[in-house]
Protein backbone atom coordinates (compact mmCIF):
# COMPACT_ATOMS: atom_id res chain seq x y z
CA MET A 1 -2.19 2.90 -21.40
CA HIS A 2 0.11 5.05 -23.61
CA SER A 3 3.21 4.02 -26.42
CA PRO A 4 6.49 3.30 -25.10
CA GLN A 5 8.16 6.48 -27.30
CA HIS A 6 6.03 8.69 -25.49
CA VAL A 7 8.08 7.39 -22.32
CA LEU A 8 11.50 9.28 -21.32
CA GLU A 9 14.11 6.32 -20.52
CA PRO A 10 14.87 6.10 -16.95
CA ASP A 11 18.59 6.39 -17.61
CA SER A 12 18.23 9.60 -19.48
CA PRO A 13 21.16 12.00 -18.78
CA VAL A 14 19.29 14.96 -18.29
CA LEU A 15 15.98 13.01 -16.03
CA SER A 16 18.94 11.58 -14.14
CA GLY A 17 20.67 14.74 -13.38
CA ALA A 18 17.20 16.64 -12.66
CA LEU A 19 16.67 13.90 -10.07
CA ARG A 20 19.56 13.99 -8.25
CA LYS A 21 19.60 17.75 -7.84
CA ALA A 22 15.59 16.93 -6.89
CA PHE A 23 17.17 14.55 -3.82
CA ARG A 24 19.98 16.15 -3.08
CA ARG A 25 18.31 19.52 -2.73
CA LEU A 26 14.96 18.18 -1.41
CA VAL A 27 15.23 15.29 0.79
CA PRO A 28 17.46 16.55 3.54
CA LEU A 29 15.47 19.82 3.81
CA VAL A 30 12.46 17.50 4.57
CA MET A 31 14.75 14.65 6.95
CA ILE A 32 15.32 17.42 8.74
CA MET A 33 11.65 18.98 9.28
CA PHE A 34 10.60 15.36 10.00
CA VAL A 35 13.52 15.13 13.18
CA ALA A 36 11.74 18.01 14.47
CA ASN A 37 8.71 16.51 14.15
CA TYR A 38 9.16 13.65 15.79
CA ILE A 39 10.78 14.79 18.52
CA ASP A 40 7.76 17.03 19.54
CA ARG A 41 5.80 14.05 19.07
CA VAL A 42 7.29 11.61 21.10
CA ASN A 43 8.98 13.70 23.94
CA ILE A 44 6.79 13.40 26.19
CA GLY A 45 7.59 10.01 26.39
CA PHE A 46 10.92 10.98 28.08
CA ALA A 47 8.91 13.91 29.97
CA LYS A 48 6.65 11.05 31.59
CA ASP A 49 8.41 10.55 35.14
CA ALA A 50 9.42 14.14 35.73
CA LEU A 51 5.68 15.75 34.34
CA GLU A 52 3.90 13.10 36.19
CA ALA A 53 5.74 14.02 39.57
CA ASP A 54 5.58 17.43 39.51
CA SER A 55 1.89 17.50 38.06
CA GLY A 56 0.49 14.43 39.57
CA ILE A 57 -0.67 12.76 36.26
CA GLY A 58 -1.30 9.33 36.87
CA ALA A 59 -0.41 6.68 34.30
CA ALA A 60 -3.10 6.13 32.72
CA ALA A 61 -3.88 10.06 32.38
CA PHE A 62 -0.65 10.59 30.81
CA GLY A 63 -1.28 7.68 27.98
CA LEU A 64 -5.08 9.22 27.49
CA GLY A 65 -3.11 12.81 27.01
CA ALA A 66 -0.28 11.25 25.11
CA GLY A 67 -3.03 9.39 22.77
CA LEU A 68 -5.32 12.51 22.16
CA PHE A 69 -3.00 14.27 20.04
CA PHE A 70 -4.21 11.35 17.40
CA ILE A 71 -7.77 12.38 17.49
CA THR A 72 -7.32 15.75 16.67
CA TYR A 73 -4.83 14.84 13.96
CA ALA A 74 -7.03 12.33 12.52
CA ILE A 75 -9.73 15.15 12.34
CA PHE A 76 -7.88 17.69 10.76
CA GLU A 77 -5.45 15.38 8.61
CA VAL A 78 -7.55 15.06 4.69
CA PRO A 79 -9.01 18.70 5.31
CA SER A 80 -4.77 20.11 6.11
CA ASN A 81 -3.97 18.06 2.65
CA ILE A 82 -6.66 19.35 0.87
CA LEU A 83 -5.42 23.10 1.79
CA LEU A 84 -1.84 21.94 0.67
CA GLU A 85 -2.94 21.08 -2.54
CA ARG A 86 -4.62 24.37 -3.13
CA PHE A 87 -2.14 26.29 -1.47
CA GLY A 88 1.05 24.82 -2.10
CA ALA A 89 3.73 22.87 0.22
CA LYS A 90 6.18 25.61 0.84
CA LEU A 91 3.01 27.61 2.23
CA TRP A 92 1.26 25.18 4.37
CA LEU A 93 4.07 22.81 5.49
CA THR A 94 5.67 26.06 6.62
CA ARG A 95 2.11 27.06 8.64
CA ILE A 96 1.99 23.39 9.96
CA MET A 97 5.50 23.63 11.41
CA VAL A 98 5.38 27.34 12.91
CA SER A 99 2.03 26.53 14.64
CA TRP A 100 3.25 22.76 16.19
CA GLY A 101 6.16 24.56 17.36
CA LEU A 102 4.69 27.01 19.29
CA VAL A 103 2.00 24.71 20.64
CA SER A 104 4.36 22.17 21.40
CA ALA A 105 6.40 24.84 23.35
CA ALA A 106 3.51 25.61 25.15
CA MET A 107 3.64 22.29 26.78
CA MET A 108 5.79 23.91 29.31
CA PHE A 109 2.71 25.01 31.14
CA ALA A 110 0.83 21.48 31.36
CA HIS A 111 0.60 21.86 35.19
CA ASN A 112 -2.26 19.26 35.45
CA GLU A 113 -3.95 16.89 33.33
CA TRP A 114 -6.62 19.37 31.89
CA ILE A 115 -4.01 21.33 30.15
CA PHE A 116 -2.20 18.58 29.14
CA TYR A 117 -5.19 17.20 27.34
CA THR A 118 -5.90 20.70 25.67
CA LEU A 119 -2.37 21.32 24.46
CA ARG A 120 -2.47 17.49 23.11
CA LEU A 121 -5.49 18.23 21.41
CA LEU A 122 -4.13 21.54 19.63
CA LEU A 123 -0.77 19.81 18.87
CA GLY A 124 -2.62 17.27 16.63
CA ALA A 125 -4.61 20.28 15.11
CA ALA A 126 -1.74 22.20 14.20
CA GLU A 127 0.33 18.81 13.09
CA ALA A 128 -2.41 17.49 10.79
CA GLY A 129 -1.05 16.96 6.96
CA PHE A 130 2.48 17.28 8.02
CA PHE A 131 3.57 13.74 6.80
CA ALA A 132 0.83 12.93 4.28
CA GLY A 133 1.36 16.28 2.44
CA ILE A 134 5.36 15.32 2.72
CA LEU A 135 4.40 11.93 0.90
CA PHE A 136 2.20 14.09 -1.91
CA TYR A 137 5.05 16.15 -2.18
CA PHE A 138 6.90 13.38 -3.14
CA THR A 139 4.47 12.29 -5.49
CA GLN A 140 5.10 16.15 -7.36
CA TRP A 141 8.85 15.54 -7.33
CA PHE A 142 10.29 11.99 -8.09
CA PRO A 143 8.73 8.71 -9.93
CA ASN A 144 7.68 5.77 -8.66
CA ALA A 145 10.96 3.96 -9.73
CA MET A 146 12.62 6.62 -6.91
CA ARG A 147 9.93 6.53 -4.47
CA GLY A 148 11.02 4.03 -2.15
CA ARG A 149 14.86 5.52 -1.15
CA ALA A 150 12.76 8.94 -1.15
CA ASN A 151 10.31 7.37 1.55
CA ALA A 152 13.16 5.39 3.31
CA ALA A 153 14.93 8.77 3.85
CA LEU A 154 12.28 10.22 5.05
CA TYR A 155 11.49 7.41 7.73
CA SER A 156 15.23 7.40 8.09
CA ALA A 157 15.09 10.99 9.43
CA SER A 158 12.68 9.32 12.65
CA THR A 159 15.39 7.20 13.27
CA ILE A 160 18.05 9.66 13.41
CA ALA A 161 15.48 11.97 15.42
CA ALA A 162 15.18 8.85 18.04
CA VAL A 163 19.06 8.92 18.27
CA ILE A 164 19.28 12.72 19.25
CA ALA A 165 16.25 12.58 21.03
CA GLY A 166 17.29 10.56 23.73
CA PRO A 167 21.02 12.55 24.38
CA LEU A 168 18.85 15.94 24.02
CA SER A 169 15.98 14.76 26.29
CA GLY A 170 18.12 13.45 29.24
CA ALA A 171 20.78 16.69 28.74
CA LEU A 172 17.37 19.09 28.82
CA LEU A 173 15.98 17.04 31.72
CA SER A 174 19.01 17.67 34.13
CA MET A 175 18.11 21.26 33.82
CA ASP A 176 15.99 21.57 36.91
CA ASP A 177 16.14 24.86 38.17
CA VAL A 178 17.90 26.64 35.50
CA GLY A 179 16.11 29.92 35.11
CA GLY A 180 13.45 28.96 37.72
CA LEU A 181 12.32 26.28 35.33
CA HIS A 182 11.77 22.37 35.62
CA GLY A 183 13.85 20.19 33.35
CA TRP A 184 10.61 18.94 31.36
CA GLN A 185 9.85 22.94 30.82
CA TRP A 186 12.85 23.13 29.31
CA LEU A 187 12.54 20.32 27.02
CA PHE A 188 8.75 21.11 25.59
CA LEU A 189 9.96 25.11 24.95
CA ILE A 190 13.95 24.36 23.44
CA GLU A 191 12.36 21.20 21.32
CA GLY A 192 8.94 23.33 20.06
CA LEU A 193 10.88 26.50 19.50
CA ALA A 194 13.43 24.89 17.13
CA ALA A 195 10.47 23.92 14.98
CA VAL A 196 9.61 27.19 14.81
CA LEU A 197 12.98 28.01 13.22
CA ILE A 198 13.32 25.15 11.23
CA GLY A 199 9.68 25.90 9.59
CA LEU A 200 11.20 29.61 8.38
CA VAL A 201 14.19 27.91 6.92
CA ALA A 202 11.64 25.75 5.07
CA TRP A 203 9.98 28.71 3.54
CA ARG A 204 13.23 29.82 1.97
CA PHE A 205 14.29 26.47 0.62
CA LEU A 206 11.16 24.31 -0.45
CA ASP A 207 9.79 24.58 -3.91
CA ALA A 208 6.45 23.43 -4.56
CA ARG A 209 6.91 21.64 -7.98
CA PRO A 210 9.56 21.30 -10.25
CA ALA A 211 8.39 24.24 -12.13
CA ASP A 212 9.00 26.48 -9.52
CA ALA A 213 12.33 25.38 -9.02
CA ALA A 214 15.19 28.02 -10.31
CA TRP A 215 18.42 25.51 -9.56
CA LEU A 216 16.85 23.23 -12.30
CA SER A 217 17.81 23.92 -16.28
CA GLU A 218 14.51 24.34 -18.32
CA GLU A 219 15.49 20.75 -20.18
CA GLU A 220 15.59 19.37 -16.61
CA LYS A 221 11.82 20.71 -15.75
CA ALA A 222 10.69 19.60 -18.93
CA ALA A 223 12.34 16.02 -18.34
CA LEU A 224 10.74 15.44 -14.83
CA ILE A 225 8.10 17.52 -15.43
CA GLU A 226 7.50 14.96 -18.71
CA ARG A 227 7.91 11.26 -16.64
CA LEU A 228 5.76 11.95 -13.78
CA ALA A 229 2.99 13.21 -16.00
CA GLU A 230 3.46 10.13 -17.88
CA GLU A 231 3.25 8.01 -15.17
CA GLU A 232 -0.13 9.94 -13.93
CA ARG A 233 -1.44 8.92 -17.33
CA ASP A 234 -0.67 5.45 -17.37
CA LYS A 235 -2.14 4.95 -13.74
CA THR A 236 -5.12 6.03 -15.16
CA GLY A 237 -5.47 5.26 -18.79
CA ASP A 238 -8.37 6.65 -20.79
CA ALA A 239 -11.34 6.02 -17.72
CA PRO A 240 -12.38 9.25 -16.09
CA GLU A 241 -11.28 10.31 -12.31
CA PRO A 242 -13.47 8.84 -10.06
CA SER A 243 -14.71 10.81 -7.49
CA ARG A 244 -12.95 11.40 -3.89
CA TRP A 245 -15.82 9.57 -2.14
CA SER A 246 -15.34 7.05 -3.62
CA MET A 247 -12.20 6.27 -1.95
CA LEU A 248 -14.56 5.12 1.29
CA ARG A 249 -16.15 2.62 -1.00
CA ASP A 250 -12.64 1.14 -2.03
CA PRO A 251 -11.37 -2.02 0.13
CA ARG A 252 -7.99 -1.33 -0.80
CA MET A 253 -8.35 1.79 0.92
CA LEU A 254 -9.64 -0.29 3.80
CA LEU A 255 -6.59 -2.46 4.01
CA PHE A 256 -4.21 -0.09 3.38
CA CYS A 257 -5.66 1.70 6.85
CA LEU A 258 -5.46 -1.08 8.55
CA VAL A 259 -1.93 -1.92 7.61
CA TYR A 260 -0.74 1.18 8.60
CA PHE A 261 -2.83 1.30 11.55
CA ALA A 262 -0.84 -1.71 12.62
CA ALA A 263 2.79 -0.53 11.85
CA GLN A 264 1.62 2.78 13.67
CA LEU A 265 0.01 0.90 17.10
CA ALA A 266 3.51 -1.07 17.51
CA GLN A 267 5.61 2.23 16.83
CA TYR A 268 4.07 3.84 19.47
CA SER A 269 3.91 1.34 21.88
CA VAL A 270 7.60 0.96 21.99
CA THR A 271 8.15 4.86 21.52
CA PHE A 272 6.21 5.67 24.29
CA TRP A 273 7.14 3.40 26.81
CA LEU A 274 10.95 2.61 25.82
CA PRO A 275 12.75 4.35 28.33
CA SER A 276 10.68 2.56 31.42
CA PHE A 277 11.64 -0.63 29.28
CA VAL A 278 15.38 0.86 29.78
CA ARG A 279 14.77 1.64 33.27
CA ARG A 280 14.07 -1.42 34.40
CA ILE A 281 17.74 -2.48 33.95
CA GLY A 282 18.65 -0.63 36.92
CA GLY A 283 21.40 1.34 37.68
CA LEU A 284 21.32 4.22 34.77
CA GLY A 285 20.71 7.75 34.88
CA GLU A 286 18.61 9.69 32.83
CA VAL A 287 21.74 10.17 30.42
CA ALA A 288 22.54 6.41 30.14
CA ILE A 289 19.00 5.77 29.79
CA GLY A 290 18.78 7.86 26.94
CA LEU A 291 21.38 6.29 25.33
CA VAL A 292 20.66 2.92 25.65
CA ALA A 293 16.89 3.97 24.05
CA VAL A 294 18.67 4.88 20.88
CA LEU A 295 20.17 1.43 20.19
CA PRO A 296 16.56 -0.09 18.08
CA PHE A 297 16.50 3.24 16.12
CA ALA A 298 20.28 3.22 15.17
CA ALA A 299 19.49 -0.70 14.03
CA ALA A 300 16.70 1.08 12.67
CA PHE A 301 18.50 3.72 10.39
CA VAL A 302 20.08 1.11 8.34
CA ALA A 303 17.87 -1.41 8.02
CA ILE A 304 15.01 1.14 6.85
CA LEU A 305 17.79 2.37 4.04
CA VAL A 306 18.63 -0.83 2.76
CA ALA A 307 14.95 -1.76 2.47
CA GLY A 308 14.22 1.14 0.51
CA ARG A 309 16.94 0.20 -2.14
CA ILE A 310 15.67 -3.48 -2.07
CA SER A 311 12.33 -2.21 -2.49
CA ASP A 312 12.74 -0.22 -5.63
CA ARG A 313 15.22 -2.72 -7.14
CA THR A 314 13.33 -5.79 -6.98
CA GLY A 315 10.14 -4.24 -6.74
CA ALA A 316 8.77 -6.57 -4.03
CA ARG A 317 6.97 -4.25 -2.35
CA ARG A 318 4.88 -6.55 -0.35
CA SER A 319 7.47 -8.40 0.82
CA VAL A 320 9.53 -5.88 2.12
CA LEU A 321 6.82 -4.88 4.23
CA GLY A 322 5.67 -8.45 5.07
CA SER A 323 9.21 -8.90 6.68
CA GLY A 324 8.47 -6.18 8.69
CA PHE A 325 5.57 -7.15 10.25
CA VAL A 326 7.07 -10.79 10.99
CA LEU A 327 10.15 -9.06 13.08
CA ALA A 328 8.08 -6.57 14.64
CA ALA A 329 5.49 -9.60 15.88
CA VAL A 330 8.64 -11.65 16.97
CA GLY A 331 10.06 -9.19 19.28
CA LEU A 332 7.00 -7.73 20.97
CA ALA A 333 5.63 -11.08 21.46
CA ILE A 334 9.14 -11.71 23.09
CA ALA A 335 9.64 -8.51 24.91
CA GLY A 336 6.40 -9.20 26.68
CA PHE A 337 8.13 -12.17 29.21
CA ALA A 338 11.47 -11.65 28.89
CA ASP A 339 14.14 -10.11 31.55
CA PRO A 340 14.95 -6.40 31.20
CA VAL A 341 18.33 -7.08 28.91
CA LEU A 342 16.48 -9.60 26.65
CA ALA A 343 13.46 -7.55 26.42
CA VAL A 344 14.94 -4.40 25.16
CA VAL A 345 17.43 -6.44 22.55
CA MET A 346 13.57 -7.65 21.62
CA LEU A 347 12.21 -4.22 21.11
CA ILE A 348 15.20 -3.89 18.98
CA VAL A 349 14.50 -6.42 16.74
CA ALA A 350 10.97 -5.17 17.47
CA THR A 351 11.78 -1.14 16.42
CA VAL A 352 13.29 -2.62 12.88
CA GLY A 353 10.53 -4.49 12.11
CA PHE A 354 7.70 -1.57 12.77
CA LYS A 355 10.10 1.06 10.81
CA VAL A 356 10.89 -1.16 8.18
CA ALA A 357 7.39 -1.67 7.42
CA ALA A 358 6.06 1.53 7.77
CA SER A 359 8.70 3.30 5.90
CA SER A 360 8.10 0.58 3.15
CA PHE A 361 4.22 0.92 3.22
CA PHE A 362 3.44 4.16 1.84
CA VAL A 363 5.03 3.67 -2.02
CA ILE A 364 2.27 0.98 -2.75
CA PRO A 365 -0.68 3.89 -2.17
CA GLN A 366 1.28 6.50 -3.97
CA GLN A 367 1.55 4.31 -6.65
CA TYR A 368 -2.17 3.04 -6.47
CA LEU A 369 -3.94 7.32 -5.80
CA THR A 370 -3.93 9.54 -8.74
CA GLY A 371 -4.83 12.96 -9.68
CA ALA A 372 -6.92 14.42 -7.40
CA LEU A 373 -7.23 11.24 -5.17
CA ALA A 374 -3.82 11.35 -4.12
CA ALA A 375 -3.61 14.94 -1.50
CA PRO A 376 -6.84 13.15 0.11
CA GLY A 377 -5.89 9.55 -0.05
CA LEU A 378 -2.53 9.40 1.41
CA ALA A 379 -4.16 11.76 4.14
CA LEU A 380 -7.22 9.22 4.92
CA ILE A 381 -4.69 6.68 5.46
CA ASN A 382 -2.44 8.27 7.66
CA SER A 383 -5.47 9.50 9.73
CA ILE A 384 -6.97 6.43 10.23
CA GLY A 385 -3.56 4.61 10.54
CA ASN A 386 -2.22 7.31 13.15
CA LEU A 387 -5.17 6.71 15.00
CA GLY A 388 -2.69 3.88 16.44
CA GLY A 389 -1.13 6.03 18.12
CA PHE A 390 -3.93 6.94 20.17
CA VAL A 391 -5.07 3.26 21.19
CA ALA A 392 -1.02 2.40 21.84
CA PRO A 393 -0.79 4.67 24.87
CA THR A 394 -3.86 4.59 25.95
CA LEU A 395 -4.10 0.44 25.51
CA MET A 396 -0.41 0.59 27.48
CA GLY A 397 -1.40 2.66 29.89
CA GLN A 398 -4.21 0.89 31.09
CA VAL A 399 -2.71 -2.94 31.35
CA GLN A 400 0.30 -1.04 33.33
CA GLU A 401 -2.20 0.91 35.45
CA ARG A 402 -3.98 -2.32 36.30
CA THR A 403 -1.50 -4.95 36.11
CA GLY A 404 1.74 -3.12 36.90
CA SER A 405 3.46 -4.55 33.90
CA VAL A 406 2.46 -3.75 30.04
CA SER A 407 3.41 -7.05 28.68
CA GLY A 408 -0.14 -7.83 27.91
CA GLY A 409 -0.20 -4.89 25.68
CA LEU A 410 2.89 -6.09 24.31
CA TYR A 411 1.42 -9.10 22.97
CA VAL A 412 -1.83 -7.71 21.60
CA VAL A 413 0.30 -5.35 19.43
CA ALA A 414 2.33 -8.71 18.20
CA VAL A 415 -0.95 -10.11 17.35
CA THR A 416 -2.49 -6.90 15.84
CA CYS A 417 1.09 -7.43 13.58
CA VAL A 418 -0.08 -10.62 12.26
CA VAL A 419 -3.30 -9.79 11.54
CA ALA A 420 -1.29 -6.77 9.01
CA LEU A 421 0.16 -10.01 7.48
CA GLY A 422 -2.89 -11.06 5.92
CA ALA A 423 -3.92 -7.73 5.34
CA CYS A 424 -1.17 -7.25 3.14
CA ALA A 425 -1.45 -10.96 1.34
CA LEU A 426 -4.99 -9.55 0.72
CA LEU A 427 -4.11 -6.62 -0.92
CA ARG A 428 -1.36 -8.75 -2.85
CA SER A 429 -4.72 -10.90 -4.17
CA THR A 430 -6.86 -7.95 -4.94
CA SER A 431 -4.22 -6.35 -6.73
CA ARG A 432 -4.26 -9.73 -8.55
CA SER A 433 -7.75 -9.89 -9.50
CA ARG A 434 -8.42 -6.49 -10.76
CA SER A 435 -4.69 -6.61 -13.38
CA GLY A 436 -6.77 -4.67 -15.55
CA GLU A 437 -6.71 -1.79 -13.17
CA ARG A 438 -3.94 0.89 -11.94
CA ALA A 439 -0.86 -1.16 -10.67
CA ALA A 440 -0.40 -1.72 -6.69
CA ALA A 441 2.79 -3.18 -6.94
């Protein structure tokens, strides 16, 4: 650890000014990028019924195709983040957005299950590295005490996207026969091309690191760079930096992956099947279904921002994380046997839970991973955790096809959230038993 006189005070006017500028300049743009990302990832949930009717894709095939995205996403995630570290966030995040937007737009040609499978695999490869890349990008701009809010803002964008996606998808699905295309084709085309356009905007306005920011004064650049460098030195101390391969032997990395897997399993179990739950209420048109489907994410938006501030102000990272898993487990379990209206209410509770868990999680590994481990480490956690996005639709699709209901799948996911609570406790005990090492608070 280094002596306190080398540390800039958190309330330094110069540093505070630099951080305010950085937050206002970068976080809203990143949120817009993530809105496009989230919509293109989950829009097949809204297109499900129309796509099945036109192409003959069944529930099990749809679940498999929805999940295949996460296979190539996991395979290419770590290499993509290493390339982001080499080429810089500005170039690489732009490349990711443009390529995934073009593939997403090409989903309009998914007239059979094999084209559907192929495009979902390509979409996963194109998008790999985006989310973990943004998390790494935040470590290049924001000190630890501010990352809870930055991460919360990023995750709140997914709830904004969910609010937008419902009504937008409902409107696009109603465009049957406009220009000779089905509504689901318009949905993929318009939402995919929007990602391409936003990617080009990101190329214009993103700065890879503080030293590149013309909108910061030289004094502000120096203050921010020194703060980030000081935090990095405090994490590593005088010990040599471990190799990237050492992450595979680190038990905390395994726990990180397990916790994030549970959060993603819960998220995609609800996200892909939420419109179907809403339809069970009966008497609702496509636009109304879209509007009702935004309620869980509207509630989660507020919860995420509140949780982010609590996490930063108190430092109780794991308590916030654990509370999210409790809500997710309770909500999913009750939704499995409740009547349609109560099931939707409990899915609101579950959505608040898994969104709070996911949004409050990454500040822990962001603080733990250092130097050359940061980019591939965050990518590894995200890639393994996102396999929950493969398991969830596959599990739910198989359960629905065999039983006529997804209740059994919801119970499995609820149990997984309980297991994640145990992993959070193990993270705490592991951190305490190695208090001489890097903090994981």
